[in-house]
Amino acid sequence: MTNRTRNFGIGSRDIKKAGNFALKETNLSFGSTATITERWKKFASFMNKRGLQTMEQVDQKLVIKYGKYLAELVDIGECSPAYAQNLVSAVNTVMTMVILGKWDSVSPTKDCDIPERSYARTIPPTGINRNKFYSAIDELSGQSLDHGKAIAVLARELGLRTKESALINCHKALHEALAHGVINITEGTKGGRPRTIQITSESQISALKIASSTQASKRSLIPTEMTWAQFREGEIRQTREALQHHGISRLHDLRSAYACERYEAITGQQAPVLGGSVDRQTDQLARNQIALELGHGRIDVTNAYLGSRQ
């Protein structure tokens, strides 16, 4: 392929730069061009890791595959729904510019299963029934998914994000829980914001014991020979797929199950998504506490875990 024709002949053999050149031909502002270019570069990196180098190799199937990959990152708390949608939209924008409007845009939500930006939960989270959850966990025995199982248990009992569960030093956390009744979450947090989680049940201690035993002599639950990315795309993905066969739709649902239990413990009533109803002040106080425990700065995010206030 010659310099003139590669990337539709728009002036660069580098697919990342080609996206920027295509955007400069539009009437977009400098700021918008820079933002979309940065988002396009993430898609280009996704392509390069799969041995793809040119715009001519981009089609709807590839973009949907990218979108579903982003949906997985949303599920484990590594990416917000809004940002994941913006990343897919950036690809649509660049490709529309490149092939002069002949591009069939990919829907981030309908085609890629990325959640809506403002999502209020309307169905109970899978994993809310603790007995069924642990039955599903037990069914994974013998599948070489011990680390993934421990991460799922930490999500269910402590509301941790997947990356937080993977990076936490479970030995230290268990000691903190037993000695002080709290654990400190400092690694893998959203925006690098540390937080403290109170230990309120024996099931949380049991979860930390399971995770500590699985961690063994390592510094975290990530195998020493793996990077976080390798672990995420290997055992974490396999664990999620295995749990789906047992009725646990997403790892994120386990955080929601934790949130619903905490709501009932704080208010004495079930979460709105489970049919509960309390006065506005009590609801607000519970949501404030749960938002802090989940590592969110805004309480409206709790709608995705608890449902909207009735």
Protein backbone atom coordinates (compact mmCIF):
# COMPACT_ATOMS: atom_id res chain seq x y z
CA MET A 1 0.00 0.00 0.00
CA THR A 2 1.52 3.35 -1.01
CA ASN A 3 1.82 6.52 1.03
CA ARG A 4 -0.77 8.15 -1.23
CA THR A 5 -3.52 5.60 -0.71
CA ARG A 6 -2.99 4.34 2.82
CA ASN A 7 -5.56 5.76 5.30
CA PHE A 8 -7.66 6.94 2.36
CA GLY A 9 -4.82 9.18 1.19
CA ILE A 10 -5.37 11.86 3.83
CA GLY A 11 -1.70 12.58 4.47
CA SER A 12 -0.22 10.17 7.02
CA ARG A 13 0.66 6.50 7.24
CA ASP A 14 0.21 6.72 11.01
CA ILE A 15 -3.43 5.93 11.80
CA LYS A 16 -3.38 8.09 14.95
CA LYS A 17 -2.17 11.15 13.04
CA ALA A 18 -4.49 10.40 10.13
CA GLY A 19 -7.48 10.79 12.43
CA ASN A 20 -6.25 14.23 13.48
CA PHE A 21 -5.69 15.28 9.86
CA ALA A 22 -9.24 14.21 8.96
CA LEU A 23 -10.70 16.29 11.79
CA LYS A 24 -8.78 19.38 10.74
CA GLU A 25 -10.76 19.42 7.51
CA THR A 26 -13.97 20.02 9.49
CA ASN A 27 -15.43 23.12 11.10
CA LEU A 28 -14.87 21.76 14.61
CA SER A 29 -13.26 24.07 17.16
CA PHE A 30 -9.65 23.55 18.18
CA GLY A 31 -10.76 22.15 21.55
CA SER A 32 -13.22 19.69 20.01
CA THR A 33 -10.63 18.54 17.48
CA ALA A 34 -8.08 17.93 20.24
CA THR A 35 -10.59 16.03 22.39
CA ILE A 36 -11.80 13.76 19.59
CA THR A 37 -8.21 13.17 18.45
CA GLU A 38 -7.25 11.91 21.91
CA ARG A 39 -10.27 9.60 21.93
CA TRP A 40 -9.48 8.39 18.42
CA LYS A 41 -5.94 7.51 19.54
CA LYS A 42 -7.38 5.07 22.08
CA PHE A 43 -9.24 3.29 19.30
CA ALA A 44 -6.07 3.29 17.18
CA SER A 45 -4.19 1.66 20.06
CA PHE A 46 -6.95 -0.95 20.31
CA MET A 47 -6.45 -1.66 16.60
CA ASN A 48 -2.65 -1.81 16.81
CA LYS A 49 -2.77 -4.39 19.60
CA ARG A 50 -4.76 -6.58 17.21
CA GLY A 51 -2.36 -6.14 14.30
CA LEU A 52 -4.52 -3.61 12.45
CA GLN A 53 -2.81 -0.52 11.07
CA THR A 54 -5.00 1.36 8.59
CA MET A 55 -8.35 3.09 8.36
CA GLU A 56 -9.31 0.86 5.48
CA GLN A 57 -9.50 -2.01 7.98
CA VAL A 58 -12.12 -0.21 10.11
CA ASP A 59 -15.69 -1.43 9.74
CA GLN A 60 -18.80 -1.54 11.92
CA LYS A 61 -17.95 -5.01 13.26
CA LEU A 62 -14.58 -3.79 14.52
CA VAL A 63 -16.09 -0.71 16.18
CA ILE A 64 -18.77 -2.86 17.86
CA LYS A 65 -16.02 -5.16 19.14
CA TYR A 66 -14.26 -2.07 20.52
CA GLY A 67 -17.51 -0.87 22.09
CA LYS A 68 -18.12 -4.22 23.77
CA TYR A 69 -14.58 -4.11 25.13
CA LEU A 70 -15.38 -0.68 26.59
CA ALA A 71 -18.61 -2.07 28.04
CA GLU A 72 -16.50 -4.61 29.93
CA LEU A 73 -14.39 -1.77 31.35
CA VAL A 74 -17.59 -0.04 32.46
CA ASP A 75 -18.72 -3.25 34.12
CA ILE A 76 -15.58 -3.52 36.25
CA GLY A 77 -15.53 0.17 37.13
CA GLU A 78 -12.55 1.20 34.95
CA CYS A 79 -14.56 3.51 32.72
CA SER A 80 -17.73 5.56 33.09
CA PRO A 81 -20.67 4.94 30.74
CA ALA A 82 -20.45 8.53 29.49
CA TYR A 83 -16.76 8.28 28.62
CA ALA A 84 -17.19 4.88 26.95
CA GLN A 85 -19.98 6.31 24.79
CA ASN A 86 -17.79 9.30 23.92
CA LEU A 87 -14.98 7.00 22.81
CA VAL A 88 -17.26 5.18 20.39
CA SER A 89 -18.74 8.45 19.17
CA ALA A 90 -15.24 9.74 18.41
CA VAL A 91 -14.66 6.79 16.08
CA ASN A 92 -17.97 7.50 14.35
CA THR A 93 -16.98 11.16 13.90
CA VAL A 94 -13.57 10.43 12.42
CA MET A 95 -14.80 7.71 10.08
CA THR A 96 -17.66 9.92 8.89
CA MET A 97 -15.12 12.61 8.00
CA VAL A 98 -12.78 10.14 6.32
CA ILE A 99 -15.31 8.52 3.99
CA LEU A 100 -17.41 11.62 3.40
CA GLY A 101 -20.58 10.69 5.24
CA LYS A 102 -20.84 7.11 3.99
CA TRP A 103 -20.15 5.67 7.42
CA ASP A 104 -22.99 3.83 9.22
CA SER A 105 -22.63 5.00 12.79
CA VAL A 106 -22.39 2.45 15.59
CA SER A 107 -24.67 3.00 18.60
CA PRO A 108 -22.70 2.77 21.86
CA THR A 109 -25.78 1.58 23.77
CA LYS A 110 -27.77 -0.49 21.28
CA ASP A 111 -24.87 -2.08 19.39
CA CYS A 112 -22.21 -2.24 22.10
CA ASP A 113 -24.25 -2.73 25.31
CA ILE A 114 -22.67 0.28 27.02
CA PRO A 115 -25.08 1.45 29.76
CA GLU A 116 -26.98 4.70 29.45
CA ARG A 117 -25.28 7.79 30.86
CA SER A 118 -28.00 8.48 33.41
CA TYR A 119 -29.04 5.01 34.42
CA ALA A 120 -31.49 4.37 37.22
CA ARG A 121 -31.73 0.71 38.18
CA THR A 122 -35.19 -0.73 37.71
CA ILE A 123 -34.53 -4.44 38.32
CA PRO A 124 -32.93 -6.07 41.39
CA PRO A 125 -29.23 -6.79 41.04
CA THR A 126 -28.19 -10.33 40.33
CA GLY A 127 -26.25 -11.62 43.32
CA ILE A 128 -28.58 -10.00 45.85
CA ASN A 129 -29.46 -13.45 47.19
CA ARG A 130 -26.33 -14.37 49.13
CA ASN A 131 -27.04 -18.12 49.15
CA LYS A 132 -27.47 -18.21 45.38
CA PHE A 133 -24.36 -16.08 44.94
CA TYR A 134 -22.18 -18.43 46.96
CA SER A 135 -23.70 -21.44 45.21
CA ALA A 136 -22.55 -19.86 41.95
CA ILE A 137 -19.10 -19.23 43.45
CA ASP A 138 -18.87 -22.86 44.60
CA GLU A 139 -19.74 -24.02 41.08
CA LEU A 140 -16.55 -22.33 39.80
CA SER A 141 -14.31 -24.64 41.83
CA GLY A 142 -11.86 -26.55 39.70
CA GLN A 143 -11.86 -23.95 36.90
CA SER A 144 -8.57 -22.26 37.92
CA LEU A 145 -10.44 -19.07 38.77
CA ASP A 146 -9.52 -18.73 42.45
CA HIS A 147 -8.31 -15.14 42.08
CA GLY A 148 -11.39 -14.15 40.10
CA LYS A 149 -13.65 -15.79 42.68
CA ALA A 150 -11.96 -13.86 45.48
CA ILE A 151 -12.47 -10.61 43.59
CA ALA A 152 -16.17 -11.39 43.08
CA VAL A 153 -16.56 -12.10 46.81
CA LEU A 154 -14.88 -8.78 47.72
CA ALA A 155 -17.22 -6.96 45.34
CA ARG A 156 -20.26 -8.63 46.89
CA GLU A 157 -19.34 -8.19 50.55
CA LEU A 158 -17.40 -4.90 50.51
CA GLY A 159 -18.65 -3.15 47.40
CA LEU A 160 -15.17 -2.91 45.89
CA ARG A 161 -14.52 -2.18 42.24
CA THR A 162 -12.77 -4.98 40.37
CA LYS A 163 -9.46 -3.14 40.15
CA GLU A 164 -9.64 -2.22 43.83
CA SER A 165 -10.20 -5.87 44.72
CA ALA A 166 -7.32 -6.95 42.51
CA LEU A 167 -4.82 -4.48 43.98
CA ILE A 168 -5.76 -4.54 47.66
CA ASN A 169 -3.32 -6.22 50.04
CA CYS A 170 -5.78 -8.68 51.55
CA HIS A 171 -3.50 -9.59 54.48
CA LYS A 172 -3.25 -5.95 55.54
CA ALA A 173 -6.99 -5.38 55.01
CA LEU A 174 -7.87 -8.42 57.13
CA HIS A 175 -5.63 -7.16 59.93
CA GLU A 176 -7.26 -3.70 59.75
CA ALA A 177 -10.73 -5.23 59.83
CA LEU A 178 -10.02 -7.38 62.87
CA ALA A 179 -8.05 -4.75 64.77
CA HIS A 180 -9.93 -1.57 63.93
CA GLY A 181 -13.25 -2.52 62.34
CA VAL A 182 -12.45 -0.68 59.10
CA ILE A 183 -10.39 -1.20 55.97
CA ASN A 184 -8.60 1.48 53.94
CA ILE A 185 -8.93 1.39 50.16
CA THR A 186 -6.03 3.20 48.50
CA GLU A 187 -5.08 1.26 45.35
CA GLY A 188 -7.02 1.29 42.08
CA THR A 189 -9.57 3.82 43.28
CA LYS A 190 -11.41 6.14 40.93
CA GLY A 191 -9.51 9.41 40.61
CA GLY A 192 -6.96 8.12 43.11
CA ARG A 193 -9.29 9.00 46.00
CA PRO A 194 -8.73 6.80 49.08
CA ARG A 195 -11.65 5.84 51.29
CA THR A 196 -12.52 3.90 54.41
CA ILE A 197 -15.09 1.12 54.60
CA GLN A 198 -16.61 0.08 57.91
CA ILE A 199 -16.80 -3.60 58.75
CA THR A 200 -20.39 -4.28 59.76
CA SER A 201 -20.86 -8.04 59.30
CA GLU A 202 -19.12 -11.36 59.75
CA SER A 203 -19.57 -12.09 56.04
CA GLN A 204 -17.12 -9.26 55.31
CA ILE A 205 -14.51 -10.84 57.57
CA SER A 206 -15.09 -14.18 55.82
CA ALA A 207 -14.64 -12.51 52.43
CA LEU A 208 -11.31 -11.03 53.53
CA LYS A 209 -10.17 -14.39 54.88
CA ILE A 210 -11.00 -16.06 51.55
CA ALA A 211 -9.15 -13.36 49.62
CA SER A 212 -6.18 -13.41 52.00
CA SER A 213 -5.84 -17.17 51.62
CA THR A 214 -5.97 -16.84 47.83
CA GLN A 215 -3.40 -14.03 47.86
CA ALA A 216 -0.93 -16.26 49.74
CA SER A 217 2.58 -14.75 49.57
CA LYS A 218 1.83 -12.24 46.81
CA ARG A 219 1.34 -8.51 47.37
CA SER A 220 -2.14 -8.55 45.84
CA LEU A 221 -4.56 -10.86 44.05
CA ILE A 222 -2.85 -10.22 40.70
CA PRO A 223 -0.49 -13.11 39.87
CA THR A 224 3.09 -11.90 40.03
CA GLU A 225 3.80 -12.85 36.43
CA MET A 226 0.90 -10.73 35.09
CA THR A 227 0.14 -7.07 34.59
CA TRP A 228 -3.26 -5.69 35.60
CA ALA A 229 -4.28 -5.53 31.92
CA GLN A 230 -3.33 -9.18 31.35
CA PHE A 231 -5.18 -10.26 34.48
CA ARG A 232 -8.24 -8.19 33.53
CA GLU A 233 -8.44 -9.63 30.03
CA GLY A 234 -7.69 -13.15 31.23
CA GLU A 235 -8.98 -14.49 34.53
CA ILE A 236 -11.30 -11.56 35.27
CA ARG A 237 -13.06 -11.97 31.94
CA GLN A 238 -13.24 -15.75 32.39
CA THR A 239 -14.70 -15.32 35.87
CA ARG A 240 -17.34 -12.90 34.62
CA GLU A 241 -18.34 -15.23 31.80
CA ALA A 242 -18.47 -18.21 34.15
CA LEU A 243 -20.66 -16.34 36.65
CA GLN A 244 -23.03 -15.34 33.85
CA HIS A 245 -23.76 -19.03 33.33
CA HIS A 246 -24.95 -19.11 36.94
CA GLY A 247 -27.19 -16.07 36.79
CA ILE A 248 -24.73 -13.32 37.82
CA SER A 249 -25.02 -10.94 34.90
CA ARG A 250 -22.19 -8.53 35.69
CA LEU A 251 -19.52 -7.96 38.31
CA HIS A 252 -20.94 -4.47 38.73
CA ASP A 253 -24.19 -6.05 39.92
CA LEU A 254 -22.34 -7.37 42.95
CA ARG A 255 -21.54 -3.79 44.01
CA SER A 256 -25.20 -3.02 43.58
CA ALA A 257 -26.15 -5.98 45.77
CA TYR A 258 -23.80 -4.67 48.46
CA ALA A 259 -25.36 -1.20 48.16
CA CYS A 260 -28.90 -2.56 48.50
CA GLU A 261 -27.95 -4.46 51.66
CA ARG A 262 -26.33 -1.37 53.15
CA TYR A 263 -29.41 0.70 52.34
CA GLU A 264 -31.61 -1.72 54.27
CA ALA A 265 -29.16 -1.83 57.17
CA ILE A 266 -29.11 1.98 57.39
CA THR A 267 -32.80 2.73 56.82
CA GLY A 268 -34.54 -0.42 58.01
CA GLN A 269 -36.29 -0.63 54.62
CA GLN A 270 -35.38 -2.31 51.37
CA ALA A 271 -33.79 -0.26 48.59
CA PRO A 272 -36.23 1.41 46.16
CA VAL A 273 -35.37 -1.09 43.41
CA LEU A 274 -36.56 -3.84 45.77
CA GLY A 275 -39.79 -2.01 46.59
CA GLY A 276 -38.76 -0.13 49.72
CA SER A 277 -39.77 3.43 50.52
CA VAL A 278 -38.59 5.84 53.21
CA ASP A 279 -38.88 9.57 53.80
CA ARG A 280 -36.66 11.87 51.75
CA GLN A 281 -34.29 12.78 54.60
CA THR A 282 -33.62 9.17 55.56
CA ASP A 283 -33.13 8.24 51.91
CA GLN A 284 -30.69 11.11 51.43
CA LEU A 285 -28.64 10.19 54.49
CA ALA A 286 -28.40 6.55 53.37
CA ARG A 287 -27.39 7.51 49.84
CA ASN A 288 -24.70 9.87 51.14
CA GLN A 289 -23.19 7.09 53.23
CA ILE A 290 -23.39 4.49 50.44
CA ALA A 291 -21.90 6.87 47.87
CA LEU A 292 -18.90 7.34 50.16
CA GLU A 293 -18.52 3.60 50.72
CA LEU A 294 -18.65 2.91 46.98
CA GLY A 295 -16.14 5.66 46.21
CA HIS A 296 -18.43 8.10 44.40
CA GLY A 297 -18.46 11.85 44.90
CA ARG A 298 -22.09 12.36 43.87
CA ILE A 299 -25.11 10.72 45.46
CA ASP A 300 -27.14 10.73 42.22
CA VAL A 301 -24.85 7.93 41.06
CA THR A 302 -26.53 5.73 43.67
CA ASN A 303 -29.59 5.56 41.39
CA ALA A 304 -27.65 3.01 39.33
CA TYR A 305 -27.21 0.83 42.42
CA LEU A 306 -30.37 1.39 44.44
CA GLY A 307 -32.94 2.65 41.94
CA SER A 308 -34.60 6.04 42.05
CA ARG A 309 -36.38 7.23 45.16
CA GLN A 310 -40.05 6.34 44.95
